Amino acid sequence: MRRVLVMALVFGTLGCIPDRGAIPTIPIPPPEAMMFAIDDAAGTATLSFDLDVTYADDLVYLFNLTRGDLGPQGVVDAAGDFVSPPFAGQREDQIDLLFREIHENGDDAFASLCLLLRDPPDGIMSIRDECPK
């Protein structure tokens, strides 16, 4: 419920909920493509990933659901690469990633994925690193 309220607040604040019916979605990037770098001393983390160029120019929003913080936002570059600015977080925090694709006709498409902020033992994020439902 908290996740829904945070997302509704952000969408309402950003004015990005289209009033043209259902919100279209885009494919969610797999967790295996993502990596957190955690700085325990600073209490921050960064997110990075390399994706297919079809994600180029998508906006990425980070929400720390555990802390209730709206983190930085960024744009996936033309190669499909993304590195976030540092954001506040501790290990095992629930981090919600919202991908927003803006179409030329003004419509938006969204996808989200919630991951636990952690260093996987094998260095690869997986479905086991997704937030509990």
N, C-alpha and C. Protein backbone atom coordinates (compact mmCIF):
# COMPACT_ATOMS: atom_id res chain seq x y z
N MET A 1 0.82 -1.19 0.00
CA MET A 1 0.00 0.00 0.00
C MET A 1 0.87 1.25 0.00
N ARG A 2 1.95 1.21 0.79
CA ARG A 2 2.85 2.35 0.87
C ARG A 2 3.47 2.64 -0.49
N ARG A 3 3.84 1.59 -1.21
CA ARG A 3 4.43 1.73 -2.53
C ARG A 3 3.45 2.42 -3.48
N VAL A 4 2.19 2.05 -3.43
CA VAL A 4 1.17 2.64 -4.29
C VAL A 4 1.01 4.12 -3.95
N LEU A 5 1.00 4.45 -2.67
CA LEU A 5 0.85 5.84 -2.26
C LEU A 5 2.03 6.69 -2.71
N VAL A 6 3.25 6.16 -2.56
CA VAL A 6 4.44 6.91 -3.00
C VAL A 6 4.39 7.15 -4.49
N MET A 7 4.06 6.12 -5.26
CA MET A 7 4.01 6.27 -6.73
C MET A 7 2.90 7.23 -7.14
N ALA A 8 1.75 7.17 -6.47
CA ALA A 8 0.65 8.08 -6.80
C ALA A 8 1.05 9.52 -6.50
N LEU A 9 1.73 9.73 -5.39
CA LEU A 9 2.20 11.07 -5.04
C LEU A 9 3.17 11.60 -6.07
N VAL A 10 4.13 10.77 -6.48
CA VAL A 10 5.11 11.22 -7.47
C VAL A 10 4.44 11.49 -8.81
N PHE A 11 3.60 10.58 -9.27
CA PHE A 11 2.92 10.80 -10.55
C PHE A 11 2.08 12.08 -10.51
N GLY A 12 1.35 12.25 -9.42
CA GLY A 12 0.51 13.44 -9.29
C GLY A 12 1.34 14.71 -9.24
N THR A 13 2.46 14.65 -8.51
CA THR A 13 3.34 15.81 -8.39
C THR A 13 3.99 16.13 -9.73
N LEU A 14 4.42 15.12 -10.44
CA LEU A 14 5.08 15.34 -11.72
C LEU A 14 4.09 15.60 -12.85
N GLY A 15 2.82 15.36 -12.59
CA GLY A 15 1.80 15.59 -13.61
C GLY A 15 1.95 14.69 -14.81
N CYS A 16 2.37 13.44 -14.57
CA CYS A 16 2.64 12.58 -15.71
C CYS A 16 1.62 11.45 -15.86
N ILE A 17 0.51 11.50 -15.18
CA ILE A 17 -0.52 10.49 -15.39
C ILE A 17 -1.39 10.96 -16.55
N PRO A 18 -1.32 10.25 -17.66
CA PRO A 18 -2.13 10.68 -18.80
C PRO A 18 -3.61 10.47 -18.52
N ASP A 19 -4.43 11.33 -19.07
CA ASP A 19 -5.87 11.19 -18.87
C ASP A 19 -6.53 10.56 -20.09
N ARG A 20 -5.75 9.84 -20.87
CA ARG A 20 -6.26 9.24 -22.09
C ARG A 20 -6.56 7.75 -21.91
N GLY A 21 -6.88 7.32 -20.73
CA GLY A 21 -7.20 5.91 -20.53
C GLY A 21 -6.10 5.19 -19.78
N ALA A 22 -5.94 3.91 -20.06
CA ALA A 22 -4.97 3.08 -19.35
C ALA A 22 -3.55 3.52 -19.67
N ILE A 23 -2.68 3.37 -18.68
CA ILE A 23 -1.27 3.71 -18.86
C ILE A 23 -0.57 2.53 -19.53
N PRO A 24 0.05 2.75 -20.71
CA PRO A 24 0.77 1.65 -21.35
C PRO A 24 2.03 1.31 -20.56
N THR A 25 2.50 0.09 -20.70
CA THR A 25 3.71 -0.31 -19.99
C THR A 25 4.80 -0.68 -20.97
N ILE A 26 6.03 -0.69 -20.48
CA ILE A 26 7.18 -1.10 -21.27
C ILE A 26 7.76 -2.34 -20.60
N PRO A 27 8.57 -3.11 -21.31
CA PRO A 27 9.16 -4.30 -20.69
C PRO A 27 10.03 -3.91 -19.50
N ILE A 28 9.96 -4.67 -18.43
CA ILE A 28 10.77 -4.40 -17.24
C ILE A 28 12.15 -5.00 -17.45
N PRO A 29 13.21 -4.21 -17.22
CA PRO A 29 14.56 -4.77 -17.35
C PRO A 29 14.77 -5.87 -16.32
N PRO A 30 15.49 -6.91 -16.67
CA PRO A 30 15.72 -8.01 -15.73
C PRO A 30 16.71 -7.60 -14.64
N PRO A 31 16.54 -8.12 -13.42
CA PRO A 31 17.47 -7.79 -12.34
C PRO A 31 18.92 -8.13 -12.68
N GLU A 32 19.13 -9.16 -13.50
CA GLU A 32 20.50 -9.58 -13.84
C GLU A 32 21.29 -8.48 -14.52
N ALA A 33 20.59 -7.52 -15.11
CA ALA A 33 21.26 -6.44 -15.84
C ALA A 33 21.70 -5.30 -14.93
N MET A 34 21.35 -5.37 -13.63
CA MET A 34 21.56 -4.25 -12.73
C MET A 34 22.57 -4.58 -11.63
N MET A 35 23.23 -3.53 -11.14
CA MET A 35 24.20 -3.71 -10.07
C MET A 35 24.17 -2.50 -9.15
N PHE A 36 24.11 -2.74 -7.83
CA PHE A 36 24.24 -1.68 -6.84
C PHE A 36 25.69 -1.63 -6.38
N ALA A 37 26.22 -0.42 -6.20
CA ALA A 37 27.50 -0.20 -5.52
C ALA A 37 27.14 0.49 -4.21
N ILE A 38 27.45 -0.16 -3.10
CA ILE A 38 27.03 0.32 -1.78
C ILE A 38 28.23 0.90 -1.04
N ASP A 39 28.09 2.12 -0.55
CA ASP A 39 29.11 2.78 0.28
C ASP A 39 28.57 2.82 1.70
N ASP A 40 28.94 1.81 2.50
CA ASP A 40 28.42 1.70 3.86
C ASP A 40 28.81 2.90 4.72
N ALA A 41 30.04 3.40 4.56
CA ALA A 41 30.51 4.52 5.37
C ALA A 41 29.68 5.78 5.12
N ALA A 42 29.34 6.03 3.87
CA ALA A 42 28.57 7.23 3.53
C ALA A 42 27.06 7.01 3.65
N GLY A 43 26.62 5.74 3.72
CA GLY A 43 25.19 5.44 3.78
C GLY A 43 24.50 5.72 2.45
N THR A 44 25.25 5.51 1.36
CA THR A 44 24.70 5.75 0.02
C THR A 44 24.96 4.56 -0.89
N ALA A 45 24.30 4.59 -2.02
CA ALA A 45 24.48 3.56 -3.04
C ALA A 45 24.30 4.21 -4.41
N THR A 46 24.78 3.53 -5.42
CA THR A 46 24.51 3.93 -6.80
C THR A 46 23.99 2.69 -7.53
N LEU A 47 23.23 2.92 -8.56
CA LEU A 47 22.71 1.85 -9.40
C LEU A 47 23.30 2.02 -10.79
N SER A 48 23.70 0.93 -11.38
CA SER A 48 24.18 0.98 -12.76
C SER A 48 23.66 -0.23 -13.52
N PHE A 49 23.50 -0.03 -14.82
CA PHE A 49 23.12 -1.15 -15.67
C PHE A 49 23.45 -0.83 -17.12
N ASP A 50 23.59 -1.90 -17.89
CA ASP A 50 23.74 -1.83 -19.34
C ASP A 50 22.54 -2.55 -19.91
N LEU A 51 21.76 -1.86 -20.71
CA LEU A 51 20.56 -2.44 -21.30
C LEU A 51 20.59 -2.28 -22.81
N ASP A 52 19.66 -2.92 -23.44
CA ASP A 52 19.47 -2.76 -24.88
C ASP A 52 19.22 -1.29 -25.19
N VAL A 53 19.65 -0.84 -26.36
CA VAL A 53 19.47 0.57 -26.74
C VAL A 53 18.01 0.97 -26.85
N THR A 54 17.09 0.01 -26.81
CA THR A 54 15.67 0.37 -26.85
C THR A 54 15.26 1.16 -25.60
N TYR A 55 16.09 1.12 -24.55
CA TYR A 55 15.82 1.88 -23.33
C TYR A 55 16.42 3.28 -23.38
N ALA A 56 17.16 3.61 -24.45
CA ALA A 56 17.80 4.92 -24.55
C ALA A 56 16.76 6.03 -24.40
N ASP A 57 17.13 7.04 -23.65
CA ASP A 57 16.32 8.22 -23.37
C ASP A 57 15.19 7.97 -22.38
N ASP A 58 15.03 6.75 -21.88
CA ASP A 58 14.04 6.51 -20.83
C ASP A 58 14.48 7.25 -19.56
N LEU A 59 13.52 7.71 -18.79
CA LEU A 59 13.80 8.29 -17.48
C LEU A 59 13.75 7.19 -16.45
N VAL A 60 14.60 7.26 -15.46
CA VAL A 60 14.62 6.28 -14.38
C VAL A 60 14.50 7.04 -13.06
N TYR A 61 13.50 6.67 -12.27
CA TYR A 61 13.28 7.27 -10.96
C TYR A 61 13.59 6.22 -9.90
N LEU A 62 14.24 6.63 -8.82
CA LEU A 62 14.58 5.73 -7.72
C LEU A 62 13.80 6.16 -6.48
N PHE A 63 13.17 5.19 -5.83
CA PHE A 63 12.44 5.43 -4.59
C PHE A 63 12.96 4.46 -3.54
N ASN A 64 13.42 4.97 -2.41
CA ASN A 64 13.77 4.10 -1.30
C ASN A 64 12.51 3.91 -0.48
N LEU A 65 11.82 2.81 -0.70
CA LEU A 65 10.55 2.56 -0.02
C LEU A 65 10.73 2.35 1.47
N THR A 66 11.87 1.82 1.89
CA THR A 66 12.13 1.58 3.30
C THR A 66 12.21 2.90 4.06
N ARG A 67 12.87 3.90 3.47
CA ARG A 67 13.06 5.19 4.11
C ARG A 67 11.97 6.19 3.73
N GLY A 68 11.24 5.91 2.65
CA GLY A 68 10.24 6.85 2.17
C GLY A 68 10.84 8.00 1.38
N ASP A 69 12.05 7.80 0.84
CA ASP A 69 12.75 8.85 0.11
C ASP A 69 12.57 8.72 -1.39
N LEU A 70 12.37 9.85 -2.04
CA LEU A 70 12.46 9.93 -3.49
C LEU A 70 13.90 10.24 -3.80
N GLY A 71 14.56 9.34 -4.51
CA GLY A 71 15.97 9.54 -4.81
C GLY A 71 16.16 10.32 -6.09
N PRO A 72 17.35 10.23 -6.65
CA PRO A 72 17.64 10.97 -7.87
C PRO A 72 16.93 10.37 -9.06
N GLN A 73 16.87 11.12 -10.12
CA GLN A 73 16.37 10.58 -11.37
C GLN A 73 17.48 10.74 -12.39
N GLY A 74 17.39 9.99 -13.47
CA GLY A 74 18.39 10.08 -14.51
C GLY A 74 17.83 9.61 -15.82
N VAL A 75 18.63 9.74 -16.85
CA VAL A 75 18.23 9.36 -18.19
C VAL A 75 19.17 8.27 -18.69
N VAL A 76 18.60 7.23 -19.27
CA VAL A 76 19.40 6.17 -19.87
C VAL A 76 20.06 6.75 -21.12
N ASP A 77 21.37 6.59 -21.23
CA ASP A 77 22.06 7.22 -22.36
C ASP A 77 21.83 6.45 -23.66
N ALA A 78 22.35 6.99 -24.74
CA ALA A 78 22.07 6.45 -26.08
C ALA A 78 22.56 5.02 -26.26
N ALA A 79 23.52 4.58 -25.45
CA ALA A 79 24.01 3.21 -25.56
C ALA A 79 23.20 2.25 -24.70
N GLY A 80 22.24 2.77 -23.95
CA GLY A 80 21.47 1.93 -23.06
C GLY A 80 22.10 1.79 -21.69
N ASP A 81 23.12 2.62 -21.39
CA ASP A 81 23.82 2.57 -20.10
C ASP A 81 23.19 3.55 -19.12
N PHE A 82 23.29 3.24 -17.84
CA PHE A 82 22.77 4.12 -16.80
C PHE A 82 23.62 3.99 -15.55
N VAL A 83 23.98 5.12 -14.96
CA VAL A 83 24.62 5.16 -13.64
C VAL A 83 23.91 6.26 -12.87
N SER A 84 23.32 5.91 -11.74
CA SER A 84 22.60 6.91 -10.95
C SER A 84 23.56 7.77 -10.15
N PRO A 85 23.11 8.96 -9.78
CA PRO A 85 23.85 9.69 -8.74
C PRO A 85 23.71 8.92 -7.43
N PRO A 86 24.61 9.13 -6.47
CA PRO A 86 24.46 8.45 -5.18
C PRO A 86 23.12 8.80 -4.53
N PHE A 87 22.51 7.81 -3.90
CA PHE A 87 21.26 8.03 -3.18
C PHE A 87 21.37 7.38 -1.80
N ALA A 88 20.59 7.91 -0.84
CA ALA A 88 20.63 7.40 0.53
C ALA A 88 20.06 5.99 0.58
N GLY A 89 20.77 5.11 1.28
CA GLY A 89 20.29 3.75 1.42
C GLY A 89 21.23 2.88 2.23
N GLN A 90 20.66 1.87 2.85
CA GLN A 90 21.41 0.87 3.59
C GLN A 90 21.06 -0.51 3.04
N ARG A 91 21.93 -1.45 3.27
CA ARG A 91 21.69 -2.82 2.80
C ARG A 91 20.31 -3.32 3.24
N GLU A 92 19.65 -4.01 2.32
CA GLU A 92 18.33 -4.61 2.49
C GLU A 92 17.19 -3.59 2.40
N ASP A 93 17.47 -2.30 2.15
CA ASP A 93 16.40 -1.35 1.87
C ASP A 93 15.69 -1.79 0.59
N GLN A 94 14.41 -1.49 0.50
CA GLN A 94 13.66 -1.80 -0.71
C GLN A 94 13.73 -0.59 -1.64
N ILE A 95 14.31 -0.79 -2.82
CA ILE A 95 14.49 0.28 -3.80
C ILE A 95 13.57 0.01 -4.98
N ASP A 96 12.65 0.93 -5.22
CA ASP A 96 11.72 0.80 -6.34
C ASP A 96 12.27 1.62 -7.50
N LEU A 97 12.40 1.00 -8.65
CA LEU A 97 12.88 1.65 -9.86
C LEU A 97 11.71 1.82 -10.79
N LEU A 98 11.50 3.03 -11.25
CA LEU A 98 10.41 3.31 -12.17
C LEU A 98 11.02 3.78 -13.49
N PHE A 99 10.72 3.05 -14.55
CA PHE A 99 11.18 3.42 -15.88
C PHE A 99 10.04 4.13 -16.60
N ARG A 100 10.35 5.27 -17.20
CA ARG A 100 9.33 6.06 -17.91
C ARG A 100 9.82 6.32 -19.33
N GLU A 101 9.02 5.91 -20.27
CA GLU A 101 9.32 6.11 -21.68
C GLU A 101 8.34 7.16 -22.22
N ILE A 102 8.87 8.21 -22.82
CA ILE A 102 8.03 9.29 -23.34
C ILE A 102 7.96 9.16 -24.87
N HIS A 103 6.76 9.03 -25.37
CA HIS A 103 6.56 8.87 -26.81
C HIS A 103 6.39 10.23 -27.48
N GLU A 104 6.66 10.28 -28.77
CA GLU A 104 6.56 11.54 -29.52
C GLU A 104 5.16 12.13 -29.48
N ASN A 105 4.13 11.30 -29.35
CA ASN A 105 2.76 11.81 -29.33
C ASN A 105 2.35 12.32 -27.94
N GLY A 106 3.28 12.30 -26.99
CA GLY A 106 2.99 12.80 -25.65
C GLY A 106 2.58 11.75 -24.66
N ASP A 107 2.29 10.53 -25.12
CA ASP A 107 1.93 9.44 -24.20
C ASP A 107 3.18 8.96 -23.46
N ASP A 108 2.97 8.45 -22.27
CA ASP A 108 4.04 7.87 -21.48
C ASP A 108 3.76 6.39 -21.28
N ALA A 109 4.83 5.61 -21.15
CA ALA A 109 4.71 4.20 -20.78
C ALA A 109 5.59 3.99 -19.57
N PHE A 110 5.16 3.12 -18.67
CA PHE A 110 5.86 2.92 -17.41
C PHE A 110 6.13 1.45 -17.14
N ALA A 111 7.18 1.19 -16.37
CA ALA A 111 7.45 -0.13 -15.83
C ALA A 111 8.17 0.08 -14.51
N SER A 112 7.95 -0.79 -13.56
CA SER A 112 8.67 -0.65 -12.31
C SER A 112 9.17 -2.01 -11.83
N LEU A 113 10.18 -1.94 -11.01
CA LEU A 113 10.81 -3.14 -10.46
C LEU A 113 11.32 -2.76 -9.08
N CYS A 114 11.06 -3.58 -8.10
CA CYS A 114 11.54 -3.33 -6.74
C CYS A 114 12.63 -4.34 -6.41
N LEU A 115 13.79 -3.83 -6.02
CA LEU A 115 14.92 -4.68 -5.67
C LEU A 115 15.41 -4.36 -4.27
N LEU A 116 15.92 -5.38 -3.59
CA LEU A 116 16.55 -5.17 -2.29
C LEU A 116 17.96 -4.64 -2.53
N LEU A 117 18.34 -3.64 -1.76
CA LEU A 117 19.67 -3.05 -1.89
C LEU A 117 20.66 -4.01 -1.25
N ARG A 118 21.40 -4.71 -2.09
CA ARG A 118 22.35 -5.70 -1.59
C ARG A 118 23.41 -6.00 -2.64
N ASP A 119 24.50 -6.58 -2.14
CA ASP A 119 25.55 -7.12 -3.00
C ASP A 119 25.29 -8.61 -3.10
N PRO A 120 24.80 -9.09 -4.23
CA PRO A 120 24.57 -10.54 -4.32
C PRO A 120 25.89 -11.29 -4.18
N PRO A 121 25.86 -12.47 -3.55
CA PRO A 121 27.11 -13.22 -3.32
C PRO A 121 27.86 -13.54 -4.60
N ASP A 122 27.15 -13.79 -5.68
CA ASP A 122 27.82 -14.12 -6.94
C ASP A 122 27.99 -12.89 -7.83
N GLY A 123 27.64 -11.70 -7.33
CA GLY A 123 27.81 -10.47 -8.10
C GLY A 123 26.71 -10.21 -9.11
N ILE A 124 25.73 -11.11 -9.20
CA ILE A 124 24.67 -10.96 -10.20
C ILE A 124 23.33 -10.88 -9.49
N MET A 125 22.57 -9.83 -9.76
CA MET A 125 21.23 -9.71 -9.20
C MET A 125 20.35 -10.77 -9.87
N SER A 126 19.33 -11.20 -9.16
CA SER A 126 18.42 -12.18 -9.74
C SER A 126 17.03 -11.97 -9.15
N ILE A 127 16.13 -12.83 -9.53
CA ILE A 127 14.76 -12.72 -9.03
C ILE A 127 14.71 -12.84 -7.52
N ARG A 128 15.67 -13.52 -6.92
CA ARG A 128 15.69 -13.65 -5.46
C ARG A 128 16.02 -12.32 -4.78
N ASP A 129 16.51 -11.34 -5.54
CA ASP A 129 16.82 -10.03 -5.00
C ASP A 129 15.67 -9.04 -5.15
N GLU A 130 14.54 -9.51 -5.68
CA GLU A 130 13.37 -8.64 -5.79
C GLU A 130 12.74 -8.51 -4.41
N CYS A 131 12.04 -7.39 -4.20
CA CYS A 131 11.37 -7.13 -2.93
C CYS A 131 10.31 -8.20 -2.68
N PRO A 132 10.10 -8.56 -1.42
CA PRO A 132 9.03 -9.52 -1.13
C PRO A 132 7.68 -8.92 -1.49
N LYS A 133 6.80 -9.75 -1.97
CA LYS A 133 5.47 -9.29 -2.39
C LYS A 133 4.56 -9.20 -1.20
